[in-house]
Amino acid sequence: MKLQMHSIKFDADSKLLDVIQKKMDKLETFFDRVIDGEVYLRLNNEGIKNKTVEIKLNIPGDQLFAEASDKSFEAATDEATEALRRQLKKFKRKAISH
């Protein structure tokens, strides 16, 4: 899957970007027609869960979005990809039933 990754107010290392890419590639097992995606990594100043991941996925005819905050970018990515996995399954179910 083609991803554009944006780290806002910091520079993300390649190891983190590779982890995110692998997790996003797993989503293609649930829906193989994903066009592309954008990942935004943000550092917030308040609270313990100060790392936010926002993911936009473009699929034919629609756009899916998930956002999660946690102590680490890896954990936040897990939450966001899980939310996208549920959205993809729901979208696929709707598409098949119509």
N, C-alpha and C. Protein backbone atom coordinates (compact mmCIF):
# COMPACT_ATOMS: atom_id res chain seq x y z
N MET A 1 0.85 -1.17 0.00
CA MET A 1 0.00 0.00 0.00
C MET A 1 0.90 1.24 0.00
N LYS A 2 0.53 2.20 -0.81
CA LYS A 2 1.29 3.44 -0.89
C LYS A 2 0.84 4.37 0.24
N LEU A 3 1.79 4.77 1.08
CA LEU A 3 1.49 5.64 2.21
C LEU A 3 2.33 6.90 2.15
N GLN A 4 1.72 8.01 2.49
CA GLN A 4 2.46 9.25 2.72
C GLN A 4 2.47 9.47 4.22
N MET A 5 3.66 9.62 4.79
CA MET A 5 3.76 9.80 6.23
C MET A 5 4.27 11.19 6.54
N HIS A 6 3.57 11.86 7.46
CA HIS A 6 3.92 13.22 7.85
C HIS A 6 4.14 13.24 9.35
N SER A 7 5.32 13.66 9.77
CA SER A 7 5.56 13.85 11.20
C SER A 7 5.58 15.35 11.46
N ILE A 8 4.71 15.78 12.35
CA ILE A 8 4.50 17.20 12.60
C ILE A 8 5.24 17.60 13.87
N LYS A 9 6.09 18.61 13.74
CA LYS A 9 6.89 19.18 14.83
C LYS A 9 7.99 18.25 15.35
N PHE A 10 8.33 17.21 14.60
CA PHE A 10 9.46 16.36 14.96
C PHE A 10 9.85 15.53 13.73
N ASP A 11 11.01 14.89 13.79
CA ASP A 11 11.46 14.02 12.71
C ASP A 11 11.33 12.57 13.15
N ALA A 12 10.54 11.80 12.44
CA ALA A 12 10.35 10.39 12.76
C ALA A 12 11.49 9.59 12.17
N ASP A 13 11.98 8.61 12.93
CA ASP A 13 13.07 7.78 12.41
C ASP A 13 12.51 6.70 11.49
N SER A 14 13.37 6.13 10.69
CA SER A 14 12.94 5.16 9.68
C SER A 14 12.39 3.89 10.32
N LYS A 15 12.87 3.53 11.50
CA LYS A 15 12.37 2.33 12.19
C LYS A 15 10.88 2.47 12.51
N LEU A 16 10.48 3.65 13.02
CA LEU A 16 9.08 3.91 13.32
C LEU A 16 8.24 3.88 12.05
N LEU A 17 8.74 4.48 10.99
CA LEU A 17 8.00 4.51 9.73
C LEU A 17 7.84 3.10 9.16
N ASP A 18 8.86 2.26 9.31
CA ASP A 18 8.76 0.87 8.84
C ASP A 18 7.71 0.09 9.62
N VAL A 19 7.66 0.30 10.94
CA VAL A 19 6.67 -0.38 11.78
C VAL A 19 5.26 0.02 11.33
N ILE A 20 5.05 1.30 11.10
CA ILE A 20 3.73 1.79 10.68
C ILE A 20 3.38 1.21 9.31
N GLN A 21 4.34 1.18 8.40
CA GLN A 21 4.09 0.63 7.06
C GLN A 21 3.67 -0.84 7.14
N LYS A 22 4.35 -1.63 7.97
CA LYS A 22 4.00 -3.05 8.10
C LYS A 22 2.60 -3.24 8.66
N LYS A 23 2.23 -2.42 9.66
CA LYS A 23 0.90 -2.54 10.24
C LYS A 23 -0.18 -2.14 9.24
N MET A 24 0.11 -1.14 8.44
CA MET A 24 -0.87 -0.71 7.44
C MET A 24 -0.98 -1.73 6.31
N ASP A 25 0.13 -2.38 5.95
CA ASP A 25 0.08 -3.39 4.90
C ASP A 25 -0.81 -4.57 5.29
N LYS A 26 -0.89 -4.85 6.58
CA LYS A 26 -1.75 -5.94 7.04
C LYS A 26 -3.22 -5.66 6.78
N LEU A 27 -3.60 -4.39 6.65
CA LEU A 27 -5.00 -4.06 6.38
C LEU A 27 -5.45 -4.56 5.00
N GLU A 28 -4.50 -4.74 4.10
CA GLU A 28 -4.85 -5.20 2.76
C GLU A 28 -5.36 -6.64 2.75
N THR A 29 -5.15 -7.38 3.84
CA THR A 29 -5.71 -8.73 3.91
C THR A 29 -7.22 -8.69 4.09
N PHE A 30 -7.74 -7.58 4.62
CA PHE A 30 -9.19 -7.45 4.83
C PHE A 30 -9.89 -6.81 3.64
N PHE A 31 -9.18 -5.94 2.94
CA PHE A 31 -9.76 -5.26 1.77
C PHE A 31 -8.61 -4.91 0.84
N ASP A 32 -8.57 -5.58 -0.30
CA ASP A 32 -7.39 -5.47 -1.18
C ASP A 32 -7.47 -4.32 -2.18
N ARG A 33 -8.51 -3.51 -2.14
CA ARG A 33 -8.66 -2.43 -3.12
C ARG A 33 -8.34 -1.06 -2.53
N VAL A 34 -7.55 -1.01 -1.48
CA VAL A 34 -7.15 0.26 -0.89
C VAL A 34 -6.26 1.00 -1.89
N ILE A 35 -6.59 2.26 -2.17
CA ILE A 35 -5.83 3.04 -3.15
C ILE A 35 -4.54 3.55 -2.53
N ASP A 36 -4.66 4.35 -1.48
CA ASP A 36 -3.48 4.89 -0.80
C ASP A 36 -3.90 5.40 0.57
N GLY A 37 -2.94 5.93 1.29
CA GLY A 37 -3.25 6.42 2.62
C GLY A 37 -2.30 7.52 3.05
N GLU A 38 -2.71 8.25 4.07
CA GLU A 38 -1.88 9.30 4.66
C GLU A 38 -1.85 9.08 6.16
N VAL A 39 -0.65 9.20 6.74
CA VAL A 39 -0.48 9.02 8.17
C VAL A 39 0.13 10.30 8.73
N TYR A 40 -0.51 10.84 9.75
CA TYR A 40 -0.01 12.04 10.43
C TYR A 40 0.40 11.66 11.84
N LEU A 41 1.64 11.97 12.19
CA LEU A 41 2.16 11.71 13.53
C LEU A 41 2.35 13.04 14.22
N ARG A 42 1.73 13.18 15.42
CA ARG A 42 1.79 14.45 16.15
C ARG A 42 2.22 14.23 17.59
N LEU A 43 2.95 15.18 18.12
CA LEU A 43 3.28 15.22 19.54
C LEU A 43 2.40 16.28 20.19
N ASN A 44 1.65 15.89 21.21
CA ASN A 44 0.84 16.83 21.97
C ASN A 44 1.59 17.17 23.25
N ASN A 45 1.32 18.32 23.82
CA ASN A 45 2.04 18.75 25.01
C ASN A 45 1.39 18.31 26.31
N GLU A 46 0.12 17.93 26.29
CA GLU A 46 -0.57 17.66 27.54
C GLU A 46 -0.79 16.17 27.75
N GLY A 47 -0.67 15.72 28.98
CA GLY A 47 -1.04 14.36 29.36
C GLY A 47 0.00 13.31 29.06
N ILE A 48 -0.29 12.11 29.56
CA ILE A 48 0.60 10.97 29.35
C ILE A 48 0.47 10.45 27.93
N LYS A 49 -0.76 10.38 27.45
CA LYS A 49 -0.99 9.89 26.08
C LYS A 49 -0.81 11.05 25.11
N ASN A 50 0.44 11.43 24.89
CA ASN A 50 0.72 12.65 24.14
C ASN A 50 1.15 12.39 22.70
N LYS A 51 1.07 11.17 22.23
CA LYS A 51 1.43 10.87 20.85
C LYS A 51 0.17 10.47 20.08
N THR A 52 -0.11 11.22 19.03
CA THR A 52 -1.34 11.03 18.26
C THR A 52 -1.01 10.56 16.85
N VAL A 53 -1.78 9.58 16.38
CA VAL A 53 -1.66 9.07 15.02
C VAL A 53 -3.01 9.24 14.34
N GLU A 54 -3.00 9.90 13.18
CA GLU A 54 -4.21 10.06 12.38
C GLU A 54 -3.95 9.38 11.04
N ILE A 55 -4.90 8.56 10.60
CA ILE A 55 -4.74 7.82 9.35
C ILE A 55 -5.96 8.04 8.48
N LYS A 56 -5.71 8.41 7.23
CA LYS A 56 -6.77 8.53 6.22
C LYS A 56 -6.48 7.47 5.15
N LEU A 57 -7.50 6.68 4.83
CA LEU A 57 -7.38 5.67 3.78
C LEU A 57 -8.34 6.00 2.65
N ASN A 58 -7.83 6.01 1.45
CA ASN A 58 -8.67 6.22 0.28
C ASN A 58 -9.00 4.86 -0.33
N ILE A 59 -10.30 4.59 -0.43
CA ILE A 59 -10.78 3.37 -1.06
C ILE A 59 -11.75 3.78 -2.15
N PRO A 60 -12.01 2.91 -3.11
CA PRO A 60 -12.91 3.30 -4.19
C PRO A 60 -14.27 3.77 -3.68
N GLY A 61 -14.58 5.02 -3.94
CA GLY A 61 -15.88 5.58 -3.58
C GLY A 61 -15.99 6.13 -2.17
N ASP A 62 -14.93 6.08 -1.39
CA ASP A 62 -15.05 6.54 -0.01
C ASP A 62 -13.66 6.84 0.57
N GLN A 63 -13.67 7.44 1.75
CA GLN A 63 -12.44 7.71 2.49
C GLN A 63 -12.68 7.35 3.95
N LEU A 64 -11.79 6.56 4.53
CA LEU A 64 -11.91 6.15 5.92
C LEU A 64 -10.89 6.92 6.76
N PHE A 65 -11.25 7.17 8.03
CA PHE A 65 -10.38 7.95 8.90
C PHE A 65 -10.38 7.34 10.29
N ALA A 66 -9.20 7.32 10.92
CA ALA A 66 -9.09 6.87 12.30
C ALA A 66 -8.02 7.70 12.99
N GLU A 67 -8.27 7.96 14.29
CA GLU A 67 -7.33 8.74 15.09
C GLU A 67 -7.20 8.07 16.44
N ALA A 68 -5.96 8.01 16.95
CA ALA A 68 -5.73 7.41 18.27
C ALA A 68 -4.56 8.11 18.94
N SER A 69 -4.63 8.19 20.27
CA SER A 69 -3.55 8.77 21.07
C SER A 69 -3.13 7.75 22.12
N ASP A 70 -1.83 7.68 22.37
CA ASP A 70 -1.31 6.76 23.37
C ASP A 70 0.07 7.22 23.82
N LYS A 71 0.70 6.39 24.68
CA LYS A 71 2.03 6.73 25.20
C LYS A 71 3.11 6.63 24.15
N SER A 72 2.92 5.75 23.16
CA SER A 72 3.91 5.59 22.09
C SER A 72 3.19 5.60 20.73
N PHE A 73 3.94 5.92 19.70
CA PHE A 73 3.36 5.93 18.36
C PHE A 73 2.96 4.52 17.92
N GLU A 74 3.71 3.52 18.35
CA GLU A 74 3.39 2.14 17.98
C GLU A 74 2.03 1.73 18.55
N ALA A 75 1.79 2.05 19.83
CA ALA A 75 0.52 1.70 20.45
C ALA A 75 -0.64 2.48 19.82
N ALA A 76 -0.41 3.74 19.53
CA ALA A 76 -1.45 4.55 18.88
C ALA A 76 -1.74 4.02 17.48
N THR A 77 -0.71 3.58 16.78
CA THR A 77 -0.91 3.00 15.45
C THR A 77 -1.71 1.72 15.53
N ASP A 78 -1.45 0.90 16.56
CA ASP A 78 -2.24 -0.32 16.76
C ASP A 78 -3.72 0.01 16.90
N GLU A 79 -4.03 1.00 17.73
CA GLU A 79 -5.43 1.38 17.94
C GLU A 79 -6.07 1.90 16.66
N ALA A 80 -5.35 2.75 15.93
CA ALA A 80 -5.91 3.34 14.71
C ALA A 80 -6.10 2.28 13.62
N THR A 81 -5.14 1.37 13.47
CA THR A 81 -5.28 0.33 12.44
C THR A 81 -6.40 -0.64 12.80
N GLU A 82 -6.61 -0.88 14.09
CA GLU A 82 -7.72 -1.73 14.52
C GLU A 82 -9.06 -1.07 14.17
N ALA A 83 -9.16 0.23 14.39
CA ALA A 83 -10.38 0.96 14.02
C ALA A 83 -10.60 0.91 12.50
N LEU A 84 -9.54 1.06 11.74
CA LEU A 84 -9.66 0.99 10.28
C LEU A 84 -10.03 -0.41 9.81
N ARG A 85 -9.50 -1.42 10.50
CA ARG A 85 -9.83 -2.80 10.15
C ARG A 85 -11.35 -3.02 10.29
N ARG A 86 -11.92 -2.52 11.41
CA ARG A 86 -13.37 -2.65 11.60
C ARG A 86 -14.13 -1.89 10.52
N GLN A 87 -13.66 -0.70 10.18
CA GLN A 87 -14.34 0.10 9.15
C GLN A 87 -14.27 -0.60 7.79
N LEU A 88 -13.12 -1.17 7.47
CA LEU A 88 -12.97 -1.87 6.19
C LEU A 88 -13.89 -3.09 6.12
N LYS A 89 -13.98 -3.85 7.20
CA LYS A 89 -14.88 -5.00 7.20
C LYS A 89 -16.33 -4.57 7.02
N LYS A 90 -16.72 -3.50 7.69
CA LYS A 90 -18.09 -2.99 7.57
C LYS A 90 -18.35 -2.50 6.15
N PHE A 91 -17.39 -1.78 5.56
CA PHE A 91 -17.53 -1.28 4.20
C PHE A 91 -17.66 -2.45 3.22
N LYS A 92 -16.85 -3.47 3.41
CA LYS A 92 -16.88 -4.63 2.52
C LYS A 92 -18.20 -5.37 2.63
N ARG A 93 -18.71 -5.52 3.86
CA ARG A 93 -20.00 -6.17 4.07
C ARG A 93 -21.12 -5.41 3.36
N LYS A 94 -21.09 -4.08 3.48
CA LYS A 94 -22.11 -3.26 2.82
C LYS A 94 -22.01 -3.39 1.30
N ALA A 95 -20.80 -3.38 0.78
CA ALA A 95 -20.59 -3.46 -0.67
C ALA A 95 -21.06 -4.80 -1.22
N ILE A 96 -20.83 -5.85 -0.48
CA ILE A 96 -21.25 -7.19 -0.94
C ILE A 96 -22.77 -7.34 -0.89
N SER A 97 -23.40 -6.75 0.13
CA SER A 97 -24.85 -6.90 0.27
C SER A 97 -25.63 -6.08 -0.74
N HIS A 98 -25.00 -5.06 -1.34
CA HIS A 98 -25.71 -4.23 -2.33
C HIS A 98 -25.46 -4.74 -3.66
